[in-house]
């Protein structure tokens, strides 16, 4: 009997530096984005172009035009389609998309256009899935769209809170799509999550605060805090080691 493939680790990288740190620390794939504190948005052209030049592991790009809900108008749809065109042109490996209708159902017409625009690129359906009204129905719709994977916290704030539900989604998917848990995952809980859910891929930001080197800071600028978050190689390495210790179910 052949051995099961190792569990995969995807890192949500909010900058070029984070993407390179994730790669160096052993991540299997990068989801490149900006604005992680607000759920992530599409990265700039410069960030994307340089990441494509320097990142050698699979590079997926979040296609999300703004923070907030996942109900998009025609102008936002056009922005997403243009962003996907850019990803295709630059030779990215995949895109991460998602859209909902006002009633909480998957916006199939728009998502079909986004998937078609991706062409041969792989497609992940992002956590718009968790905002859907009926996760079981939404999973079937994601499968029908032809997506390769769906990122989910099981509809809860963190994946650990919804481990049982994620396990049910993994069973429902039955190999037709990869169910990838994400949200609140770290080296301390990923082993238990893998064992409870049966998932084979996991998504984390593994970020830590970077303290600014600015010697001068104006304390009156409350909205312009000098520190920021960036992928922490030690946290990525710890996640990679924890996943490597998981024994297949």
Protein backbone atom coordinates (compact mmCIF):
# COMPACT_ATOMS: atom_id res chain seq x y z
CA UNK A 1 0.00 0.00 0.00
CA UNK A 2 1.40 3.42 -0.98
CA UNK A 3 1.89 5.98 1.78
CA UNK A 4 -0.54 8.87 2.04
CA UNK A 5 0.86 12.20 0.82
CA UNK A 6 2.00 14.54 3.59
CA UNK A 7 -0.44 17.09 4.95
CA UNK A 8 -0.13 20.43 3.20
CA UNK A 9 0.34 23.86 4.76
CA UNK A 10 -0.84 27.03 3.03
CA UNK A 11 0.22 30.36 4.48
CA UNK A 12 -1.79 33.55 4.00
CA UNK A 13 0.93 36.10 3.26
CA UNK A 14 0.05 39.77 3.47
CA UNK A 15 3.19 41.06 1.79
CA UNK A 16 6.15 40.06 -0.36
CA UNK A 17 8.25 39.68 2.78
CA UNK A 18 5.67 37.38 4.32
CA UNK A 19 5.49 35.24 1.18
CA UNK A 20 9.26 34.80 1.13
CA UNK A 21 9.33 34.04 4.86
CA UNK A 22 6.63 31.39 4.40
CA UNK A 23 8.56 29.79 1.58
CA UNK A 24 11.84 29.75 3.51
CA UNK A 25 10.19 28.20 6.57
CA UNK A 26 8.65 25.24 4.75
CA UNK A 27 5.17 26.27 3.62
CA UNK A 28 3.75 24.22 0.75
CA UNK A 29 1.78 27.05 -0.81
CA UNK A 30 1.26 30.80 -0.39
CA UNK A 31 -2.02 32.69 -0.58
CA UNK A 32 -0.91 36.23 -1.38
CA UNK A 33 -3.10 39.08 -0.22
CA UNK A 34 -3.15 42.46 1.49
CA UNK A 35 -5.10 43.72 4.49
CA UNK A 36 -5.18 40.51 6.52
CA UNK A 37 -6.59 42.40 9.50
CA UNK A 38 -9.80 42.96 7.51
CA UNK A 39 -9.99 39.48 6.02
CA UNK A 40 -7.68 40.11 3.09
CA UNK A 41 -7.97 41.88 -0.25
CA UNK A 42 -6.22 41.60 -3.61
CA UNK A 43 -2.51 42.49 -3.46
CA UNK A 44 -0.99 45.28 -5.53
CA UNK A 45 0.48 44.62 -8.94
CA UNK A 46 3.98 45.27 -7.65
CA UNK A 47 3.58 42.83 -4.78
CA UNK A 48 2.14 40.19 -7.08
CA UNK A 49 4.71 40.61 -9.85
CA UNK A 50 7.69 40.41 -7.50
CA UNK A 51 6.19 37.48 -5.61
CA UNK A 52 5.78 35.61 -8.89
CA UNK A 53 9.43 36.25 -9.69
CA UNK A 54 10.74 35.14 -6.31
CA UNK A 55 8.35 32.58 -4.86
CA UNK A 56 9.03 29.07 -6.12
CA UNK A 57 6.29 27.20 -4.25
CA UNK A 58 2.73 27.39 -5.62
CA UNK A 59 1.44 30.97 -5.51
CA UNK A 60 -2.28 31.58 -5.16
CA UNK A 61 -3.74 35.09 -5.18
CA UNK A 62 -6.72 36.36 -3.23
CA UNK A 63 -9.19 38.09 -5.55
CA UNK A 64 -11.32 40.26 -3.30
CA UNK A 65 -11.87 43.92 -4.22
CA UNK A 66 -12.68 45.23 -0.76
CA UNK A 67 -13.29 44.31 2.85
CA UNK A 68 -16.80 43.74 4.14
CA UNK A 69 -19.45 41.42 2.75
CA UNK A 70 -19.27 39.24 -0.35
CA UNK A 71 -22.17 40.80 -2.25
CA UNK A 72 -20.60 42.47 -5.27
CA UNK A 73 -21.97 44.89 -7.85
CA UNK A 74 -21.11 44.94 -11.55
CA UNK A 75 -18.16 47.30 -11.12
CA UNK A 76 -16.62 45.10 -8.43
CA UNK A 77 -17.16 42.06 -10.62
CA UNK A 78 -15.25 43.79 -13.43
CA UNK A 79 -12.39 44.55 -11.02
CA UNK A 80 -12.16 40.88 -9.99
CA UNK A 81 -12.18 39.72 -13.59
CA UNK A 82 -9.34 42.12 -14.43
CA UNK A 83 -7.38 40.95 -11.39
CA UNK A 84 -7.76 37.34 -12.49
CA UNK A 85 -6.57 38.28 -15.97
CA UNK A 86 -3.45 39.75 -14.32
CA UNK A 87 -2.88 36.54 -12.35
CA UNK A 88 -3.14 34.48 -15.51
CA UNK A 89 -0.78 36.80 -17.39
CA UNK A 90 1.84 36.70 -14.64
CA UNK A 91 1.75 32.91 -14.43
CA UNK A 92 0.32 32.45 -10.96
CA UNK A 93 -0.68 28.96 -9.92
CA UNK A 94 -4.15 29.70 -8.61
CA UNK A 95 -6.71 32.27 -7.54
CA UNK A 96 -8.91 32.47 -4.47
CA UNK A 97 -12.43 33.71 -5.18
CA UNK A 98 -15.93 33.83 -3.73
CA UNK A 99 -19.19 35.77 -3.97
CA UNK A 100 -22.64 35.55 -2.42
CA UNK A 101 -26.14 36.67 -3.27
CA UNK A 102 -28.06 38.82 -0.81
CA UNK A 103 -29.99 35.78 0.45
CA UNK A 104 -26.80 33.99 1.50
CA UNK A 105 -26.59 31.62 -1.47
CA UNK A 106 -23.47 31.31 -3.61
CA UNK A 107 -23.57 33.82 -6.49
CA UNK A 108 -23.28 31.16 -9.15
CA UNK A 109 -23.47 33.43 -12.24
CA UNK A 110 -20.63 35.63 -11.01
CA UNK A 111 -18.54 32.76 -9.67
CA UNK A 112 -18.91 30.91 -12.97
CA UNK A 113 -17.43 33.96 -14.72
CA UNK A 114 -14.56 34.14 -12.25
CA UNK A 115 -13.75 30.44 -12.59
CA UNK A 116 -13.91 30.68 -16.39
CA UNK A 117 -11.53 33.66 -16.34
CA UNK A 118 -9.04 31.61 -14.30
CA UNK A 119 -8.71 29.12 -17.15
CA UNK A 120 -6.15 26.47 -16.23
CA UNK A 121 -5.32 28.06 -12.87
CA UNK A 122 -6.52 26.23 -9.78
CA UNK A 123 -9.38 27.87 -7.89
CA UNK A 124 -9.99 28.01 -4.16
CA UNK A 125 -13.35 29.25 -2.87
CA UNK A 126 -12.55 31.49 0.08
CA UNK A 127 -14.36 32.10 3.37
CA UNK A 128 -17.34 33.68 1.69
CA UNK A 129 -18.32 30.03 2.05
CA UNK A 130 -18.57 30.50 5.83
CA UNK A 131 -20.97 33.41 5.33
CA UNK A 132 -23.32 31.28 3.22
CA UNK A 133 -26.77 30.39 4.56
CA UNK A 134 -26.47 26.62 4.12
CA UNK A 135 -22.95 25.18 4.16
CA UNK A 136 -23.92 21.73 2.91
CA UNK A 137 -25.70 23.22 -0.09
CA UNK A 138 -22.90 25.73 -0.63
CA UNK A 139 -20.37 22.90 -0.74
CA UNK A 140 -22.26 21.20 -3.56
CA UNK A 141 -22.36 24.50 -5.44
CA UNK A 142 -18.61 25.02 -5.00
CA UNK A 143 -18.04 21.50 -6.35
CA UNK A 144 -20.32 22.20 -9.31
CA UNK A 145 -18.30 25.35 -10.08
CA UNK A 146 -15.22 23.19 -10.53
CA UNK A 147 -13.19 24.64 -7.66
CA UNK A 148 -10.30 22.53 -6.43
CA UNK A 149 -10.64 23.49 -2.77
CA UNK A 150 -12.71 25.44 -0.30
CA UNK A 151 -11.31 27.36 2.66
CA UNK A 152 -13.53 27.14 5.72
CA UNK A 153 -13.77 27.58 9.46
CA UNK A 154 -16.98 25.57 9.42
CA UNK A 155 -19.01 28.75 9.78
CA UNK A 156 -17.50 29.60 13.16
CA UNK A 157 -14.91 32.15 14.27
CA UNK A 158 -12.18 29.51 14.37
CA UNK A 159 -11.75 26.12 12.75
CA UNK A 160 -11.31 24.38 16.10
CA UNK A 161 -14.74 25.57 17.23
CA UNK A 162 -16.27 23.82 14.22
CA UNK A 163 -14.06 20.73 13.97
CA UNK A 164 -17.06 18.40 13.89
CA UNK A 165 -18.76 20.40 11.17
CA UNK A 166 -15.58 20.54 9.11
CA UNK A 167 -15.29 16.77 9.49
CA UNK A 168 -18.84 16.47 8.12
CA UNK A 169 -17.90 18.68 5.16
CA UNK A 170 -14.84 16.52 4.48
CA UNK A 171 -17.07 13.44 4.45
CA UNK A 172 -19.63 15.15 2.22
CA UNK A 173 -16.94 16.27 -0.22
CA UNK A 174 -15.72 12.67 -0.54
CA UNK A 175 -12.68 13.72 -2.51
CA UNK A 176 -14.61 15.83 -5.02
CA UNK A 177 -13.08 19.01 -3.59
CA UNK A 178 -10.44 19.61 -0.93
CA UNK A 179 -11.89 21.02 2.28
CA UNK A 180 -9.15 23.17 3.81
CA UNK A 181 -9.65 24.35 7.41
CA UNK A 182 -8.52 27.87 8.24
CA UNK A 183 -8.90 30.52 10.99
CA UNK A 184 -7.16 30.36 14.33
CA UNK A 185 -4.85 27.50 13.35
CA UNK A 186 -1.43 27.24 14.95
CA UNK A 187 1.12 24.63 15.94
CA UNK A 188 -0.71 24.02 19.21
CA UNK A 189 -3.99 22.90 17.66
CA UNK A 190 -3.31 21.78 14.09
CA UNK A 191 -2.54 18.18 15.06
CA UNK A 192 -5.83 17.79 16.93
CA UNK A 193 -7.69 19.52 14.10
CA UNK A 194 -6.18 17.18 11.53
CA UNK A 195 -7.12 14.12 13.55
CA UNK A 196 -10.67 15.33 14.25
CA UNK A 197 -11.51 16.47 10.72
CA UNK A 198 -9.60 14.16 8.41
CA UNK A 199 -8.58 17.23 6.36
CA UNK A 200 -5.37 17.03 4.35
CA UNK A 201 -4.62 20.74 3.81
CA UNK A 202 -4.52 23.56 6.34
CA UNK A 203 -4.46 27.35 6.08
CA UNK A 204 -2.85 29.74 8.57
CA UNK A 205 -1.34 33.22 8.66
CA UNK A 206 1.37 32.35 11.23
CA UNK A 207 1.91 36.06 11.71
CA UNK A 208 3.57 38.01 14.49
CA UNK A 209 3.97 41.70 15.23
CA UNK A 210 6.92 43.46 13.68
CA UNK A 211 8.07 46.38 15.80
CA UNK A 212 8.89 49.52 13.88
CA UNK A 213 12.49 50.76 13.80
CA UNK A 214 11.34 54.37 13.63
CA UNK A 215 13.14 56.46 16.23
CA UNK A 216 10.46 59.15 16.00
CA UNK A 217 6.76 58.46 16.31
CA UNK A 218 3.92 60.97 16.55
CA UNK A 219 1.59 59.56 19.26
CA UNK A 220 -1.32 61.70 18.00
CA UNK A 221 -1.62 59.57 14.84
CA UNK A 222 -3.82 56.86 16.32
CA UNK A 223 -4.82 55.46 12.94
CA UNK A 224 -1.24 55.17 11.74
CA UNK A 225 0.34 52.76 14.23
CA UNK A 226 3.99 52.14 13.29
CA UNK A 227 4.05 48.39 14.00
CA UNK A 228 2.66 45.78 11.64
CA UNK A 229 2.13 42.05 11.28
CA UNK A 230 4.21 39.74 9.11
CA UNK A 231 4.57 36.01 8.65
CA UNK A 232 6.81 34.58 11.37
CA UNK A 233 9.17 31.87 10.03
CA UNK A 234 9.33 30.20 13.45
CA UNK A 235 5.55 29.82 13.53
CA UNK A 236 5.50 28.42 10.02
CA UNK A 237 8.25 25.94 10.90
CA UNK A 238 6.36 24.87 14.02
CA UNK A 239 3.18 24.31 12.00
CA UNK A 240 5.12 22.34 9.40
CA UNK A 241 6.65 20.15 12.12
CA UNK A 242 3.27 19.57 13.79
CA UNK A 243 1.68 18.50 10.52
CA UNK A 244 4.61 16.23 9.79
CA UNK A 245 3.91 14.34 13.01
CA UNK A 246 0.27 13.59 12.15
CA UNK A 247 -0.44 9.97 11.39
CA UNK A 248 -3.09 9.29 8.71
CA UNK A 249 -6.52 8.27 9.97
